[in-house]
């Protein structure tokens, strides 16, 4: 699988504290092995079709399109589910 970061997700990743950025980067690298990734949960409601993984208080939201994993959002859990 190929993993792509949308521009907003790349910006969010860039401003994270270094320790959190390293942990999130490990999650993103794990997505290259989709679907053999543990810890991914499908989202519901208006986010149906999207998935999320977490590390501590941070979440990574992504969607699968063929052989590409598209990371659309990286955020603290307090802001993760906001529009």
PDB file of N, CA and C in Angstrom:
ATOM      1  N   UNK A   1       0.834  -1.192   0.000  1.00  0.00           N
ATOM      2  CA  UNK A   1       0.000   0.000   0.000  1.00  0.00           C
ATOM      3  C   UNK A   1       0.873   1.248   0.000  1.00  0.00           C
ATOM      4  N   UNK A   2       0.338   2.276  -0.601  1.00  0.00           N
ATOM      5  CA  UNK A   2       0.970   3.588  -0.586  1.00  0.00           C
ATOM      6  C   UNK A   2       0.200   4.463   0.393  1.00  0.00           C
ATOM      7  N   UNK A   3       0.915   5.256   1.175  1.00  0.00           N
ATOM      8  CA  UNK A   3       0.274   6.166   2.121  1.00  0.00           C
ATOM      9  C   UNK A   3       0.514   7.593   1.651  1.00  0.00           C
ATOM     10  N   UNK A   4      -0.562   8.374   1.527  1.00  0.00           N
ATOM     11  CA  UNK A   4      -0.462   9.778   1.140  1.00  0.00           C
ATOM     12  C   UNK A   4      -1.053  10.642   2.237  1.00  0.00           C
ATOM     13  N   UNK A   5      -0.400  11.745   2.522  1.00  0.00           N
ATOM     14  CA  UNK A   5      -0.920  12.715   3.482  1.00  0.00           C
ATOM     15  C   UNK A   5      -1.537  13.869   2.709  1.00  0.00           C
ATOM     16  N   UNK A   6      -2.773  14.183   3.021  1.00  0.00           N
ATOM     17  CA  UNK A   6      -3.403  15.360   2.450  1.00  0.00           C
ATOM     18  C   UNK A   6      -2.702  16.583   3.038  1.00  0.00           C
ATOM     19  N   UNK A   7      -2.690  17.719   2.340  1.00  0.00           N
ATOM     20  CA  UNK A   7      -2.003  18.913   2.856  1.00  0.00           C
ATOM     21  C   UNK A   7      -2.398  19.306   4.283  1.00  0.00           C
ATOM     22  N   UNK A   8      -3.689  19.283   4.662  1.00  0.00           N
ATOM     23  CA  UNK A   8      -4.002  19.633   6.055  1.00  0.00           C
ATOM     24  C   UNK A   8      -3.369  18.664   7.063  1.00  0.00           C
ATOM     25  N   UNK A   9      -3.322  17.381   6.732  1.00  0.00           N
ATOM     26  CA  UNK A   9      -2.718  16.394   7.639  1.00  0.00           C
ATOM     27  C   UNK A   9      -1.211  16.611   7.740  1.00  0.00           C
ATOM     28  N   UNK A  10      -0.574  16.946   6.631  1.00  0.00           N
ATOM     29  CA  UNK A  10       0.863  17.215   6.651  1.00  0.00           C
ATOM     30  C   UNK A  10       1.172  18.428   7.521  1.00  0.00           C
ATOM     31  N   UNK A  11       0.334  19.454   7.433  1.00  0.00           N
ATOM     32  CA  UNK A  11       0.516  20.645   8.261  1.00  0.00           C
ATOM     33  C   UNK A  11       0.320  20.307   9.739  1.00  0.00           C
ATOM     34  N   UNK A  12      -0.713  19.510  10.025  1.00  0.00           N
ATOM     35  CA  UNK A  12      -0.968  19.116  11.418  1.00  0.00           C
ATOM     36  C   UNK A  12       0.198  18.316  11.974  1.00  0.00           C
ATOM     37  N   UNK A  13       0.751  17.415  11.161  1.00  0.00           N
ATOM     38  CA  UNK A  13       1.890  16.605  11.585  1.00  0.00           C
ATOM     39  C   UNK A  13       3.106  17.486  11.873  1.00  0.00           C
ATOM     40  N   UNK A  14       3.327  18.484  11.042  1.00  0.00           N
ATOM     41  CA  UNK A  14       4.512  19.342  11.173  1.00  0.00           C
ATOM     42  C   UNK A  14       4.518  20.147  12.466  1.00  0.00           C
ATOM     43  N   UNK A  15       3.358  20.489  12.998  1.00  0.00           N
ATOM     44  CA  UNK A  15       3.321  21.344  14.190  1.00  0.00           C
ATOM     45  C   UNK A  15       3.176  20.547  15.495  1.00  0.00           C
ATOM     46  N   UNK A  16       3.113  19.239  15.413  1.00  0.00           N
ATOM     47  CA  UNK A  16       3.023  18.427  16.628  1.00  0.00           C
ATOM     48  C   UNK A  16       4.338  18.486  17.402  1.00  0.00           C
ATOM     49  N   UNK A  17       4.272  18.328  18.716  1.00  0.00           N
ATOM     50  CA  UNK A  17       5.518  18.195  19.486  1.00  0.00           C
ATOM     51  C   UNK A  17       6.333  17.001  18.955  1.00  0.00           C
ATOM     52  N   UNK A  18       7.641  17.106  19.021  1.00  0.00           N
ATOM     53  CA  UNK A  18       8.515  16.105  18.405  1.00  0.00           C
ATOM     54  C   UNK A  18       8.198  14.674  18.833  1.00  0.00           C
ATOM     55  N   UNK A  19       7.974  14.430  20.107  1.00  0.00           N
ATOM     56  CA  UNK A  19       7.704  13.069  20.601  1.00  0.00           C
ATOM     57  C   UNK A  19       6.399  12.540  19.996  1.00  0.00           C
ATOM     58  N   UNK A  20       5.369  13.371  19.974  1.00  0.00           N
ATOM     59  CA  UNK A  20       4.085  12.959  19.396  1.00  0.00           C
ATOM     60  C   UNK A  20       4.240  12.747  17.895  1.00  0.00           C
ATOM     61  N   UNK A  21       4.969  13.631  17.219  1.00  0.00           N
ATOM     62  CA  UNK A  21       5.182  13.502  15.771  1.00  0.00           C
ATOM     63  C   UNK A  21       5.848  12.174  15.450  1.00  0.00           C
ATOM     64  N   UNK A  22       6.810  11.751  16.276  1.00  0.00           N
ATOM     65  CA  UNK A  22       7.479  10.463  16.042  1.00  0.00           C
ATOM     66  C   UNK A  22       6.496   9.308  16.197  1.00  0.00           C
ATOM     67  N   UNK A  23       5.647   9.369  17.215  1.00  0.00           N
ATOM     68  CA  UNK A  23       4.663   8.294  17.423  1.00  0.00           C
ATOM     69  C   UNK A  23       3.656   8.245  16.290  1.00  0.00           C
ATOM     70  N   UNK A  24       3.201   9.406  15.827  1.00  0.00           N
ATOM     71  CA  UNK A  24       2.236   9.450  14.727  1.00  0.00           C
ATOM     72  C   UNK A  24       2.896   8.948  13.440  1.00  0.00           C
ATOM     73  N   UNK A  25       4.160   9.277  13.237  1.00  0.00           N
ATOM     74  CA  UNK A  25       4.874   8.805  12.051  1.00  0.00           C
ATOM     75  C   UNK A  25       4.952   7.277  12.034  1.00  0.00           C
ATOM     76  N   UNK A  26       5.148   6.670  13.184  1.00  0.00           N
ATOM     77  CA  UNK A  26       5.157   5.202  13.267  1.00  0.00           C
ATOM     78  C   UNK A  26       3.791   4.647  12.858  1.00  0.00           C
ATOM     79  N   UNK A  27       2.704   5.273  13.303  1.00  0.00           N
ATOM     80  CA  UNK A  27       1.357   4.831  12.899  1.00  0.00           C
ATOM     81  C   UNK A  27       1.195   4.916  11.391  1.00  0.00           C
ATOM     82  N   UNK A  28       1.632   6.027  10.816  1.00  0.00           N
ATOM     83  CA  UNK A  28       1.490   6.225   9.373  1.00  0.00           C
ATOM     84  C   UNK A  28       2.290   5.175   8.615  1.00  0.00           C
ATOM     85  N   UNK A  29       3.484   4.856   9.096  1.00  0.00           N
ATOM     86  CA  UNK A  29       4.291   3.810   8.452  1.00  0.00           C
ATOM     87  C   UNK A  29       3.611   2.452   8.555  1.00  0.00           C
ATOM     88  N   UNK A  30       2.937   2.190   9.668  1.00  0.00           N
ATOM     89  CA  UNK A  30       2.210   0.918   9.818  1.00  0.00           C
ATOM     90  C   UNK A  30       1.096   0.788   8.782  1.00  0.00           C
ATOM     91  N   UNK A  31       0.522   1.915   8.359  1.00  0.00           N
ATOM     92  CA  UNK A  31      -0.575   1.869   7.392  1.00  0.00           C
ATOM     93  C   UNK A  31      -0.135   1.319   6.033  1.00  0.00           C
ATOM     94  N   UNK A  32       1.158   1.301   5.762  1.00  0.00           N
ATOM     95  CA  UNK A  32       1.654   0.720   4.510  1.00  0.00           C
ATOM     96  C   UNK A  32       1.350  -0.775   4.445  1.00  0.00           C
ATOM     97  N   UNK A  33       1.112  -1.392   5.582  1.00  0.00           N
ATOM     98  CA  UNK A  33       0.811  -2.838   5.634  1.00  0.00           C
ATOM     99  C   UNK A  33      -0.690  -3.115   5.704  1.00  0.00           C
ATOM    100  N   UNK A  34      -1.521  -2.137   5.365  1.00  0.00           N
ATOM    101  CA  UNK A  34      -2.964  -2.329   5.383  1.00  0.00           C
ATOM    102  C   UNK A  34      -3.310  -3.525   4.517  1.00  0.00           C
ATOM    103  N   UNK A  35      -4.191  -4.417   4.888  1.00  0.00           N
ATOM    104  CA  UNK A  35      -5.119  -4.407   6.018  1.00  0.00           C
ATOM    105  C   UNK A  35      -4.614  -5.156   7.243  1.00  0.00           C
ATOM    106  N   UNK A  36      -3.335  -5.528   7.286  1.00  0.00           N
ATOM    107  CA  UNK A  36      -2.804  -6.252   8.437  1.00  0.00           C
ATOM    108  C   UNK A  36      -2.411  -5.310   9.567  1.00  0.00           C
ATOM    109  N   UNK A  37      -3.155  -4.246   9.758  1.00  0.00           N
ATOM    110  CA  UNK A  37      -2.852  -3.241  10.770  1.00  0.00           C
ATOM    111  C   UNK A  37      -3.778  -3.445  11.963  1.00  0.00           C
ATOM    112  N   UNK A  38      -3.190  -3.546  13.143  1.00  0.00           N
ATOM    113  CA  UNK A  38      -4.024  -3.684  14.331  1.00  0.00           C
ATOM    114  C   UNK A  38      -4.335  -2.309  14.901  1.00  0.00           C
ATOM    115  N   UNK A  39      -5.456  -2.197  15.551  1.00  0.00           N
ATOM    116  CA  UNK A  39      -5.816  -0.953  16.215  1.00  0.00           C
ATOM    117  C   UNK A  39      -6.624   0.016  15.382  1.00  0.00           C
ATOM    118  N   UNK A  40      -6.870  -0.280  14.118  1.00  0.00           N
ATOM    119  CA  UNK A  40      -7.664   0.614  13.273  1.00  0.00           C
ATOM    120  C   UNK A  40      -9.149   0.371  13.548  1.00  0.00           C
ATOM    121  N   UNK A  41      -9.888   1.445  13.691  1.00  0.00           N
ATOM    122  CA  UNK A  41     -11.328   1.334  13.957  1.00  0.00           C
ATOM    123  C   UNK A  41     -12.100   2.106  12.909  1.00  0.00           C
ATOM    124  N   UNK A  42     -13.188   1.529  12.411  1.00  0.00           N
ATOM    125  CA  UNK A  42     -14.014   2.268  11.452  1.00  0.00           C
ATOM    126  C   UNK A  42     -14.800   3.368  12.160  1.00  0.00           C
ATOM    127  N   UNK A  43     -14.962   4.485  11.489  1.00  0.00           N
ATOM    128  CA  UNK A  43     -15.752   5.578  12.041  1.00  0.00           C
ATOM    129  C   UNK A  43     -17.190   5.439  11.570  1.00  0.00           C
ATOM    130  N   UNK A  44     -18.108   6.067  12.299  1.00  0.00           N
ATOM    131  CA  UNK A  44     -19.536   5.933  11.998  1.00  0.00           C
ATOM    132  C   UNK A  44     -20.148   7.285  11.711  1.00  0.00           C
ATOM    133  N   UNK A  45     -21.427   7.271  11.408  1.00  0.00           N
ATOM    134  CA  UNK A  45     -22.162   8.512  11.158  1.00  0.00           C
ATOM    135  C   UNK A  45     -21.685   9.189   9.894  1.00  0.00           C
ATOM    136  N   UNK A  46     -21.497  10.504   9.961  1.00  0.00           N
ATOM    137  CA  UNK A  46     -21.093  11.241   8.761  1.00  0.00           C
ATOM    138  C   UNK A  46     -19.652  10.931   8.348  1.00  0.00           C
ATOM    139  N   UNK A  47     -18.913  10.249   9.207  1.00  0.00           N
ATOM    140  CA  UNK A  47     -17.547   9.841   8.864  1.00  0.00           C
ATOM    141  C   UNK A  47     -17.474   8.372   8.442  1.00  0.00           C
ATOM    142  N   UNK A  48     -18.612   7.764   8.176  1.00  0.00           N
ATOM    143  CA  UNK A  48     -18.636   6.367   7.737  1.00  0.00           C
ATOM    144  C   UNK A  48     -17.767   6.222   6.486  1.00  0.00           C
ATOM    145  N   UNK A  49     -17.006   5.137   6.434  1.00  0.00           N
ATOM    146  CA  UNK A  49     -16.085   4.914   5.323  1.00  0.00           C
ATOM    147  C   UNK A  49     -14.663   5.337   5.666  1.00  0.00           C
ATOM    148  N   UNK A  50     -14.515   6.099   6.737  1.00  0.00           N
ATOM    149  CA  UNK A  50     -13.202   6.515   7.212  1.00  0.00           C
ATOM    150  C   UNK A  50     -12.802   5.625   8.387  1.00  0.00           C
ATOM    151  N   UNK A  51     -11.524   5.603   8.652  1.00  0.00           N
ATOM    152  CA  UNK A  51     -10.974   4.822   9.752  1.00  0.00           C
ATOM    153  C   UNK A  51     -10.154   5.731  10.636  1.00  0.00           C
ATOM    154  N   UNK A  52      -9.842   5.259  11.855  1.00  0.00           N
ATOM    155  CA  UNK A  52      -8.958   6.007  12.729  1.00  0.00           C
ATOM    156  C   UNK A  52      -8.054   5.061  13.482  1.00  0.00           C
ATOM    157  N   UNK A  53      -6.873   5.578  13.759  1.00  0.00           N
ATOM    158  CA  UNK A  53      -5.933   4.904  14.655  1.00  0.00           C
ATOM    159  C   UNK A  53      -5.541   5.926  15.702  1.00  0.00           C
ATOM    160  N   UNK A  54      -5.123   5.442  16.859  1.00  0.00           N
ATOM    161  CA  UNK A  54      -4.756   6.379  17.919  1.00  0.00           C
ATOM    162  C   UNK A  54      -3.405   6.034  18.505  1.00  0.00           C
ATOM    163  N   UNK A  55      -2.783   7.063  19.034  1.00  0.00           N
ATOM    164  CA  UNK A  55      -1.579   6.912  19.840  1.00  0.00           C
ATOM    165  C   UNK A  55      -1.704   7.924  20.961  1.00  0.00           C
ATOM    166  N   UNK A  56      -1.892   7.446  22.165  1.00  0.00           N
ATOM    167  CA  UNK A  56      -2.120   8.342  23.294  1.00  0.00           C
ATOM    168  C   UNK A  56      -3.381   9.156  23.078  1.00  0.00           C
ATOM    169  N   UNK A  57      -3.258  10.467  23.172  1.00  0.00           N
ATOM    170  CA  UNK A  57      -4.410  11.354  22.993  1.00  0.00           C
ATOM    171  C   UNK A  57      -4.573  11.835  21.560  1.00  0.00           C
ATOM    172  N   UNK A  58      -3.773  11.337  20.638  1.00  0.00           N
ATOM    173  CA  UNK A  58      -3.830  11.793  19.244  1.00  0.00           C
ATOM    174  C   UNK A  58      -4.442  10.734  18.343  1.00  0.00           C
ATOM    175  N   UNK A  59      -5.121  11.214  17.319  1.00  0.00           N
ATOM    176  CA  UNK A  59      -5.814  10.334  16.382  1.00  0.00           C
ATOM    177  C   UNK A  59      -5.364  10.639  14.956  1.00  0.00           C
ATOM    178  N   UNK A  60      -5.347   9.599  14.129  1.00  0.00           N
ATOM    179  CA  UNK A  60      -5.051   9.726  12.707  1.00  0.00           C
ATOM    180  C   UNK A  60      -6.272   9.198  11.960  1.00  0.00           C
ATOM    181  N   UNK A  61      -6.865  10.044  11.123  1.00  0.00           N
ATOM    182  CA  UNK A  61      -8.047   9.646  10.342  1.00  0.00           C
ATOM    183  C   UNK A  61      -7.609   9.377   8.909  1.00  0.00           C
ATOM    184  N   UNK A  62      -8.098   8.271   8.355  1.00  0.00           N
ATOM    185  CA  UNK A  62      -7.707   7.932   6.986  1.00  0.00           C
ATOM    186  C   UNK A  62      -8.831   7.219   6.272  1.00  0.00           C
ATOM    187  N   UNK A  63      -8.686   7.133   4.954  1.00  0.00           N
ATOM    188  CA  UNK A  63      -9.639   6.446   4.106  1.00  0.00           C
ATOM    189  C   UNK A  63      -8.837   5.592   3.125  1.00  0.00           C
ATOM    190  N   UNK A  64      -9.417   4.492   2.703  1.00  0.00           N
ATOM    191  CA  UNK A  64      -8.756   3.580   1.764  1.00  0.00           C
ATOM    192  C   UNK A  64      -9.366   3.789   0.381  1.00  0.00           C
ATOM    193  N   UNK A  65      -8.522   4.043  -0.599  1.00  0.00           N
ATOM    194  CA  UNK A  65      -8.958   4.189  -1.989  1.00  0.00           C
ATOM    195  C   UNK A  65      -8.095   3.265  -2.844  1.00  0.00           C
ATOM    196  N   UNK A  66      -8.604   2.078  -3.135  1.00  0.00           N
ATOM    197  CA  UNK A  66      -7.832   1.107  -3.908  1.00  0.00           C
ATOM    198  C   UNK A  66      -6.589   0.683  -3.151  1.00  0.00           C
ATOM    199  N   UNK A  67      -5.422   0.956  -3.722  1.00  0.00           N
ATOM    200  CA  UNK A  67      -4.150   0.600  -3.098  1.00  0.00           C
ATOM    201  C   UNK A  67      -3.492   1.791  -2.403  1.00  0.00           C
ATOM    202  N   UNK A  68      -4.291   2.813  -2.093  1.00  0.00           N
ATOM    203  CA  UNK A  68      -3.760   4.018  -1.459  1.00  0.00           C
ATOM    204  C   UNK A  68      -4.488   4.277  -0.146  1.00  0.00           C
ATOM    205  N   UNK A  69      -3.713   4.534   0.902  1.00  0.00           N
ATOM    206  CA  UNK A  69      -4.255   4.964   2.186  1.00  0.00           C
ATOM    207  C   UNK A  69      -4.071   6.478   2.232  1.00  0.00           C
ATOM    208  N   UNK A  70      -5.162   7.215   2.344  1.00  0.00           N
ATOM    209  CA  UNK A  70      -5.108   8.667   2.336  1.00  0.00           C
ATOM    210  C   UNK A  70      -5.370   9.178   3.752  1.00  0.00           C
ATOM    211  N   UNK A  71      -4.358   9.786   4.350  1.00  0.00           N
ATOM    212  CA  UNK A  71      -4.472  10.357   5.692  1.00  0.00           C
ATOM    213  C   UNK A  71      -5.011  11.773   5.535  1.00  0.00           C
ATOM    214  N   UNK A  72      -6.194  12.005   6.125  1.00  0.00           N
ATOM    215  CA  UNK A  72      -6.847  13.294   5.953  1.00  0.00           C
ATOM    216  C   UNK A  72      -6.759  14.201   7.156  1.00  0.00           C
ATOM    217  N   UNK A  73      -6.523  13.636   8.347  1.00  0.00           N
ATOM    218  CA  UNK A  73      -6.540  14.462   9.545  1.00  0.00           C
ATOM    219  C   UNK A  73      -5.699  13.823  10.633  1.00  0.00           C
ATOM    220  N   UNK A  74      -4.960  14.668  11.352  1.00  0.00           N
ATOM    221  CA  UNK A  74      -4.201  14.259  12.521  1.00  0.00           C
ATOM    222  C   UNK A  74      -4.523  15.297  13.593  1.00  0.00           C
ATOM    223  N   UNK A  75      -5.047  14.860  14.733  1.00  0.00           N
ATOM    224  CA  UNK A  75      -5.446  15.841  15.744  1.00  0.00           C
ATOM    225  C   UNK A  75      -5.520  15.210  17.129  1.00  0.00           C
ATOM    226  N   UNK A  76      -5.513  16.080  18.121  1.00  0.00           N
ATOM    227  CA  UNK A  76      -5.750  15.685  19.504  1.00  0.00           C
ATOM    228  C   UNK A  76      -7.186  15.204  19.607  1.00  0.00           C
ATOM    229  N   UNK A  77      -7.455  14.303  20.498  1.00  0.00           N
ATOM    230  CA  UNK A  77      -8.812  13.736  20.598  1.00  0.00           C
ATOM    231  C   UNK A  77      -9.871  14.786  20.875  1.00  0.00           C
ATOM    232  N   UNK A  78      -9.505  15.891  21.539  1.00  0.00           N
ATOM    233  CA  UNK A  78     -10.474  16.950  21.820  1.00  0.00           C
ATOM    234  C   UNK A  78     -10.997  17.619  20.557  1.00  0.00           C
ATOM    235  N   UNK A  79     -10.160  17.655  19.508  1.00  0.00           N
ATOM    236  CA  UNK A  79     -10.544  18.333  18.265  1.00  0.00           C
ATOM    237  C   UNK A  79     -10.757  17.368  17.105  1.00  0.00           C
ATOM    238  N   UNK A  80     -10.546  16.103  17.319  1.00  0.00           N
ATOM    239  CA  UNK A  80     -10.531  15.141  16.224  1.00  0.00           C
ATOM    240  C   UNK A  80     -11.867  14.998  15.511  1.00  0.00           C
ATOM    241  N   UNK A  81     -12.955  14.994  16.241  1.00  0.00           N
ATOM    242  CA  UNK A  81     -14.244  14.709  15.636  1.00  0.00           C
ATOM    243  C   UNK A  81     -14.989  15.962  15.207  1.00  0.00           C
ATOM    244  N   UNK A  82     -14.367  17.128  15.325  1.00  0.00           N
ATOM    245  CA  UNK A  82     -14.982  18.370  14.865  1.00  0.00           C
ATOM    246  C   UNK A  82     -14.889  18.447  13.342  1.00  0.00           C
ATOM    247  N   UNK A  83     -15.761  19.244  12.763  1.00  0.00           N
ATOM    248  CA  UNK A  83     -15.744  19.445  11.309  1.00  0.00           C
ATOM    249  C   UNK A  83     -14.489  20.170  10.894  1.00  0.00           C
TER     250      UNK A  83
END
